[in-house]
C-alpha atoms as a PDB file:
ATOM      1  CA  MET A   1       0.290  -0.093   0.353  1.00  0.00           C
ATOM      2  CA  GLN A   2       1.035   3.406  -1.253  1.00  0.00           C
ATOM      3  CA  PRO A   3       1.821   5.681   1.703  1.00  0.00           C
ATOM      4  CA  TYR A   4      -0.751   8.880   1.849  1.00  0.00           C
ATOM      5  CA  SER A   5       0.278  11.948   0.970  1.00  0.00           C
ATOM      6  CA  ARG A   6      -1.089  15.108  -0.006  1.00  0.00           C
ATOM      7  CA  GLN A   7      -0.846  14.611  -3.978  1.00  0.00           C
ATOM      8  CA  ASN A   8      -2.307  11.099  -3.672  1.00  0.00           C
ATOM      9  CA  SER A   9      -5.579  12.822  -1.896  1.00  0.00           C
ATOM     10  CA  PHE A  10      -5.665  15.686  -4.672  1.00  0.00           C
ATOM     11  CA  ASP A  11      -5.104  13.462  -7.825  1.00  0.00           C
ATOM     12  CA  LEU A  12      -8.207  11.073  -6.027  1.00  0.00           C
ATOM     13  CA  VAL A  13     -10.151  14.631  -6.016  1.00  0.00           C
ATOM     14  CA  VAL A  14      -9.051  15.303  -9.209  1.00  0.00           C
ATOM     15  CA  LEU A  15      -9.847  11.514 -11.136  1.00  0.00           C
ATOM     16  CA  PHE A  16     -13.554  11.899  -9.126  1.00  0.00           C
ATOM     17  CA  TRP A  17     -14.452  15.182 -10.208  1.00  0.00           C
ATOM     18  CA  LEU A  18     -13.544  13.919 -13.709  1.00  0.00           C
ATOM     19  CA  GLN A  19     -15.585  10.599 -13.341  1.00  0.00           C
ATOM     20  CA  LEU A  20     -18.182  12.350 -11.950  1.00  0.00           C
ATOM     21  CA  THR A  21     -18.397  15.325 -14.797  1.00  0.00           C
ATOM     22  CA  TRP A  22     -17.965  13.296 -17.430  1.00  0.00           C
ATOM     23  CA  PHE A  23     -21.216  10.620 -16.440  1.00  0.00           C
ATOM     24  CA  ALA A  24     -23.110  13.527 -15.644  1.00  0.00           C
ATOM     25  CA  SER A  25     -22.899  14.668 -19.238  1.00  0.00           C
ATOM     26  CA  MET A  26     -23.494  11.668 -20.748  1.00  0.00           C
ATOM     27  CA  VAL A  27     -26.508  11.008 -18.569  1.00  0.00           C
ATOM     28  CA  PHE A  28     -27.768  14.118 -19.052  1.00  0.00           C
ATOM     29  CA  ALA A  29     -27.172  14.183 -23.402  1.00  0.00           C
ATOM     30  CA  PHE A  30     -29.202  10.649 -22.812  1.00  0.00           C
ATOM     31  CA  ILE A  31     -31.641  12.114 -20.863  1.00  0.00           C
ATOM     32  CA  LYS A  32     -31.708  14.942 -23.741  1.00  0.00           C
ATOM     33  CA  TRP A  33     -32.002  12.764 -26.631  1.00  0.00           C
ATOM     34  CA  VAL A  34     -34.123  10.350 -25.225  1.00  0.00           C
ATOM     35  CA  SER A  35     -36.523  13.447 -24.929  1.00  0.00           C
ATOM     36  CA  SER A  36     -36.219  14.605 -28.401  1.00  0.00           C
ATOM     37  CA  SER A  37     -39.115  13.626 -30.456  1.00  0.00           C
ATOM     38  CA  SER A  38     -38.341  11.437 -33.461  1.00  0.00           C
ATOM     39  CA  SER A  39     -39.997  14.046 -36.202  1.00  0.00           C
ATOM     40  CA  SER A  40     -37.074  16.529 -34.936  1.00  0.00           C
ATOM     41  CA  LEU A  41     -34.019  13.187 -35.846  1.00  0.00           C
ATOM     42  CA  THR A  42     -30.941  15.385 -37.673  1.00  0.00           C
ATOM     43  CA  GLY A  43     -28.863  13.559 -40.016  1.00  0.00           C
ATOM     44  CA  GLN A  44     -26.058  12.966 -36.910  1.00  0.00           C
ATOM     45  CA  GLN A  45     -28.523  10.982 -34.892  1.00  0.00           C
ATOM     46  CA  LEU A  46     -29.750   8.636 -38.264  1.00  0.00           C
ATOM     47  CA  ASN A  47     -26.022   7.391 -39.199  1.00  0.00           C
ATOM     48  CA  GLY A  48     -25.926   4.275 -36.894  1.00  0.00           C
ATOM     49  CA  SER A  49     -26.019   1.846 -39.432  1.00  0.00           C
ATOM     50  CA  GLN A  50     -24.492   2.147 -43.108  1.00  0.00           C
ATOM     51  CA  THR A  51     -27.060   0.546 -45.419  1.00  0.00           C
ATOM     52  CA  SER A  52     -30.148   1.730 -43.627  1.00  0.00           C
ATOM     53  CA  SER A  53     -29.067   5.804 -42.775  1.00  0.00           C
ATOM     54  CA  LYS A  54     -27.954   6.557 -46.227  1.00  0.00           C
ATOM     55  CA  ARG A  55     -31.205   5.375 -47.480  1.00  0.00           C
ATOM     56  CA  ILE A  56     -33.320   7.166 -44.789  1.00  0.00           C
ATOM     57  CA  SER A  57     -31.111  10.590 -45.302  1.00  0.00           C
ATOM     58  CA  ARG A  58     -31.933  10.031 -49.427  1.00  0.00           C
ATOM     59  CA  LEU A  59     -35.672   9.679 -48.757  1.00  0.00           C
ATOM     60  CA  GLY A  60     -35.382  12.805 -45.864  1.00  0.00           C
ATOM     61  CA  SER A  61     -33.235  14.667 -48.398  1.00  0.00           C
ATOM     62  CA  MET A  62     -35.906  14.993 -50.627  1.00  0.00           C
ATOM     63  CA  GLY A  63     -37.884  17.338 -48.170  1.00  0.00           C
ATOM     64  CA  SER A  64     -41.996  16.469 -48.656  1.00  0.00           C
ATOM     65  CA  ILE A  65     -42.688  13.458 -49.958  1.00  0.00           C
ATOM     66  CA  ASP A  66     -45.280  12.981 -51.885  1.00  0.00           C
ATOM     67  CA  ASN A  67     -45.779   9.305 -51.945  1.00  0.00           C
ATOM     68  CA  PRO A  68     -47.636   7.654 -48.902  1.00  0.00           C
ATOM     69  CA  ALA A  69     -45.695   4.756 -48.784  1.00  0.00           C
ATOM     70  CA  GLU A  70     -42.662   6.336 -48.991  1.00  0.00           C
ATOM     71  CA  LYS A  71     -43.102   8.709 -45.753  1.00  0.00           C
ATOM     72  CA  ARG A  72     -44.278   5.576 -44.151  1.00  0.00           C
ATOM     73  CA  ALA A  73     -41.456   3.563 -45.111  1.00  0.00           C
ATOM     74  CA  PHE A  74     -39.218   6.652 -44.188  1.00  0.00           C
ATOM     75  CA  HIS A  75     -41.047   6.872 -41.320  1.00  0.00           C
ATOM     76  CA  ILE A  76     -40.689   3.135 -40.213  1.00  0.00           C
ATOM     77  CA  LEU A  77     -36.967   3.881 -41.089  1.00  0.00           C
ATOM     78  CA  SER A  78     -36.283   6.488 -38.770  1.00  0.00           C
ATOM     79  CA  GLU A  79     -38.017   4.991 -36.016  1.00  0.00           C
ATOM     80  CA  ARG A  80     -36.123   2.199 -36.156  1.00  0.00           C
ATOM     81  CA  GLN A  81     -32.762   3.879 -36.227  1.00  0.00           C
ATOM     82  CA  ARG A  82     -33.639   6.225 -33.279  1.00  0.00           C
ATOM     83  CA  ARG A  83     -34.753   2.915 -31.378  1.00  0.00           C
ATOM     84  CA  ASN A  84     -31.508   1.252 -32.428  1.00  0.00           C
ATOM     85  CA  ASP A  85     -29.319   4.507 -31.270  1.00  0.00           C
ATOM     86  CA  LEU A  86     -31.593   4.211 -28.229  1.00  0.00           C
ATOM     87  CA  LYS A  87     -30.174   1.150 -27.875  1.00  0.00           C
ATOM     88  CA  LYS A  88     -27.324   1.311 -28.147  1.00  0.00           C
ATOM     89  CA  LEU A  89     -27.007   4.264 -26.064  1.00  0.00           C
ATOM     90  CA  PHE A  90     -28.683   2.243 -22.897  1.00  0.00           C
ATOM     91  CA  GLU A  91     -26.139  -0.411 -23.580  1.00  0.00           C
ATOM     92  CA  THR A  92     -23.328   2.105 -23.460  1.00  0.00           C
ATOM     93  CA  LEU A  93     -24.783   3.351 -20.605  1.00  0.00           C
ATOM     94  CA  ARG A  94     -24.918   0.289 -18.598  1.00  0.00           C
ATOM     95  CA  VAL A  95     -21.683  -1.060 -19.412  1.00  0.00           C
ATOM     96  CA  ASN A  96     -20.625   1.863 -17.816  1.00  0.00           C
ATOM     97  CA  ILE A  97     -22.471   2.014 -14.220  1.00  0.00           C
ATOM     98  CA  PRO A  98     -19.934  -0.469 -11.965  1.00  0.00           C
ATOM     99  CA  VAL A  99     -23.268  -2.158 -10.537  1.00  0.00           C
ATOM    100  CA  LEU A 100     -24.463  -3.632 -14.054  1.00  0.00           C
ATOM    101  CA  CYS A 101     -21.271  -3.550 -16.111  1.00  0.00           C
ATOM    102  CA  ASP A 102     -20.695  -7.592 -15.530  1.00  0.00           C
ATOM    103  CA  LYS A 103     -24.603  -8.278 -16.387  1.00  0.00           C
ATOM    104  CA  GLN A 104     -25.502  -9.157 -20.045  1.00  0.00           C
ATOM    105  CA  LYS A 105     -29.172  -7.371 -19.686  1.00  0.00           C
ATOM    106  CA  ALA A 106     -30.528  -5.081 -17.687  1.00  0.00           C
ATOM    107  CA  SER A 107     -33.821  -3.074 -18.242  1.00  0.00           C
ATOM    108  CA  LYS A 108     -33.845   0.403 -19.076  1.00  0.00           C
ATOM    109  CA  LEU A 109     -35.605   1.604 -15.741  1.00  0.00           C
ATOM    110  CA  THR A 110     -33.321  -0.677 -13.612  1.00  0.00           C
ATOM    111  CA  ILE A 111     -29.943   1.173 -15.984  1.00  0.00           C
ATOM    112  CA  LEU A 112     -31.174   4.565 -15.494  1.00  0.00           C
ATOM    113  CA  LYS A 113     -32.090   4.113 -11.719  1.00  0.00           C
ATOM    114  CA  ALA A 114     -28.513   2.882 -11.215  1.00  0.00           C
ATOM    115  CA  ALA A 115     -27.057   5.170 -13.312  1.00  0.00           C
ATOM    116  CA  VAL A 116     -28.685   8.089 -10.997  1.00  0.00           C
ATOM    117  CA  GLU A 117     -27.278   5.739  -7.890  1.00  0.00           C
ATOM    118  CA  HIS A 118     -23.810   5.884  -9.302  1.00  0.00           C
ATOM    119  CA  LEU A 119     -24.123   9.686 -10.292  1.00  0.00           C
ATOM    120  CA  ALA A 120     -25.152  10.133  -6.200  1.00  0.00           C
ATOM    121  CA  GLU A 121     -22.011   7.944  -4.958  1.00  0.00           C
ATOM    122  CA  VAL A 122     -19.762   9.683  -7.238  1.00  0.00           C
ATOM    123  CA  SER A 123     -21.096  12.640  -6.178  1.00  0.00           C
ATOM    124  CA  ASN A 124     -20.712  12.040  -2.104  1.00  0.00           C
ATOM    125  CA  LYS A 125     -17.495  10.381  -2.962  1.00  0.00           C
ATOM    126  CA  LYS A 126     -16.184  13.961  -5.075  1.00  0.00           C
ATOM    127  CA  GLU A 127     -18.067  16.056  -1.820  1.00  0.00           C
ATOM    128  CA  LYS A 128     -15.956  13.914   0.787  1.00  0.00           C
ATOM    129  CA  LEU A 129     -12.700  13.712  -1.296  1.00  0.00           C
ATOM    130  CA  CYS A 130     -13.011  17.505  -1.400  1.00  0.00           C
ATOM    131  CA  SER A 131     -13.495  17.706   2.437  1.00  0.00           C
ATOM    132  CA  VAL A 132     -10.524  15.880   2.607  1.00  0.00           C
ATOM    133  CA  PHE A 133      -8.575  17.696   0.723  1.00  0.00           C
ATOM    134  CA  ASP A 134      -9.328  20.683   2.430  1.00  0.00           C
ATOM    135  CA  LYS A 135      -8.537  19.647   5.754  1.00  0.00           C
ATOM    136  CA  GLU A 136      -4.917  18.145   4.157  1.00  0.00           C
ATOM    137  CA  LYS A 137      -4.578  21.559   2.932  1.00  0.00           C
ATOM    138  CA  GLN A 138      -5.055  23.277   5.961  1.00  0.00           C
ATOM    139  CA  LYS A 139      -2.474  20.756   7.568  1.00  0.00           C
ATOM    140  CA  HIS A 140      -0.437  21.649   5.386  1.00  0.00           C
ATOM    141  CA  SER A 141      -0.387  25.130   5.411  1.00  0.00           C
ATOM    142  CA  LYS A 142       0.140  24.450   9.327  1.00  0.00           C
ATOM    143  CA  LEU A 143       3.241  22.213   8.966  1.00  0.00           C
ATOM    144  CA  MET A 144       4.553  24.661   6.489  1.00  0.00           C
ATOM    145  CA  GLN A 145       4.183  27.772   9.212  1.00  0.00           C
ATOM    146  CA  GLN A 146       5.500  25.201  12.265  1.00  0.00           C
ATOM    147  CA  LEU A 147       8.623  24.010   9.940  1.00  0.00           C
ATOM    148  CA  LYS A 148       9.750  27.825   8.853  1.00  0.00           C
ATOM    149  CA  SER A 149       9.204  28.199  12.679  1.00  0.00           C
ATOM    150  CA  LEU A 150      11.017  25.915  12.854  1.00  0.00           C
ATOM    151  CA  GLN A 151      14.322  26.643  10.438  1.00  0.00           C
ATOM    152  CA  GLN A 152      14.036  30.380  12.048  1.00  0.00           C
ATOM    153  CA  GLN A 153      14.771  28.883  14.975  1.00  0.00           C
ATOM    154  CA  GLN A 154      17.315  26.451  13.653  1.00  0.00           C
ATOM    155  CA  GLN A 155      19.198  29.608  11.851  1.00  0.00           C
ATOM    156  CA  HIS A 156      18.934  31.703  15.477  1.00  0.00           C
ATOM    157  CA  THR A 157      20.787  28.609  17.163  1.00  0.00           C
ATOM    158  CA  GLN A 158      23.629  28.460  15.273  1.00  0.00           C
ATOM    159  CA  GLN A 159      23.570  31.769  15.464  1.00  0.00           C
ATOM    160  CA  GLN A 160      24.004  31.925  19.025  1.00  0.00           C
ATOM    161  CA  HIS A 161      25.786  28.680  19.111  1.00  0.00           C
ATOM    162  CA  GLN A 162      28.579  30.762  16.483  1.00  0.00           C
ATOM    163  CA  GLN A 163      28.540  33.664  18.477  1.00  0.00           C
ATOM    164  CA  GLN A 164      29.090  31.672  21.985  1.00  0.00           C
ATOM    165  CA  ILE A 165      32.320  29.688  20.246  1.00  0.00           C
ATOM    166  CA  HIS A 166      33.517  33.325  18.817  1.00  0.00           C
ATOM    167  CA  ASN A 167      33.362  35.091  22.378  1.00  0.00           C
ATOM    168  CA  ASN A 168      34.884  31.531  24.083  1.00  0.00           C
ATOM    169  CA  LEU A 169      37.780  31.293  21.473  1.00  0.00           C
ATOM    170  CA  ASN A 170      38.385  35.366  22.237  1.00  0.00           C
ATOM    171  CA  SER A 171      38.112  34.403  25.976  1.00  0.00           C
ATOM    172  CA  TYR A 172      40.710  31.948  25.223  1.00  0.00           C
ATOM    173  CA  SER A 173      42.728  33.893  23.077  1.00  0.00           C
ATOM    174  CA  SER A 174      43.014  36.908  25.975  1.00  0.00           C
ATOM    175  CA  SER A 175      43.665  34.806  28.501  1.00  0.00           C
ATOM    176  CA  ILE A 176      46.699  32.806  26.558  1.00  0.00           C
ATOM    177  CA  SER A 177      48.180  36.435  26.228  1.00  0.00           C
ATOM    178  CA  ASN A 178      47.672  37.055  29.532  1.00  0.00           C
ATOM    179  CA  GLY A 179      49.247  33.972  30.599  1.00  0.00           C
ATOM    180  CA  GLN A 180      52.253  34.966  28.209  1.00  0.00           C
ATOM    181  CA  GLN A 181      52.237  38.157  29.910  1.00  0.00           C
ATOM    182  CA  SER A 182      52.440  35.974  33.215  1.00  0.00           C
ATOM    183  CA  LEU A 183      55.149  34.066  31.964  1.00  0.00           C
ATOM    184  CA  THR A 184      56.954  36.421  29.977  1.00  0.00           C
ATOM    185  CA  THR A 185      56.279  39.075  33.882  1.00  0.00           C
ATOM    186  CA  LEU A 186      57.893  35.429  35.936  1.00  0.00           C
ATOM    187  CA  ALA A 187      60.689  34.906  33.763  1.00  0.00           C
ATOM    188  CA  VAL A 188      62.086  38.420  33.665  1.00  0.00           C
ATOM    189  CA  HIS A 189      62.143  39.067  37.098  1.00  0.00           C
END
């Protein structure tokens, strides 16, 4: 197990934030797409299967289709394509939900409920990690202040120690010179 560090905490927050935003955008895009009506299908939404989408776009690009059989065929093809796209999107959503990714099949309601639950879980994790990150940031700030204080104390102590050594050396050298003078005086007498 890796030791806990502020960087690991930050990486986790960023990772969960990215997952949360990606997942939320996927769910919102999916819901928006589902709620759109089939009559407002765009060319991009119809580009699922190669052969049917070409036929659908060719029929749709004709503008107004006068023949009721062609209208019906266009409607059937576009509805089939919409259902296929919807099925693919549900499958993509199912695969990206941890609870459902191992299951081969799940109902649309189950997928949407699981997506909402997963989104709430990720959001709660994000909030908790943000809280942990803020606490760790405060701890880091306090530790940096303590470190700065200790460094200043160490520097002050070193200066005092150097001053004391300097004073002792001066004291010893004056003692030595006084001793030499005493010896010289004694030697002269």
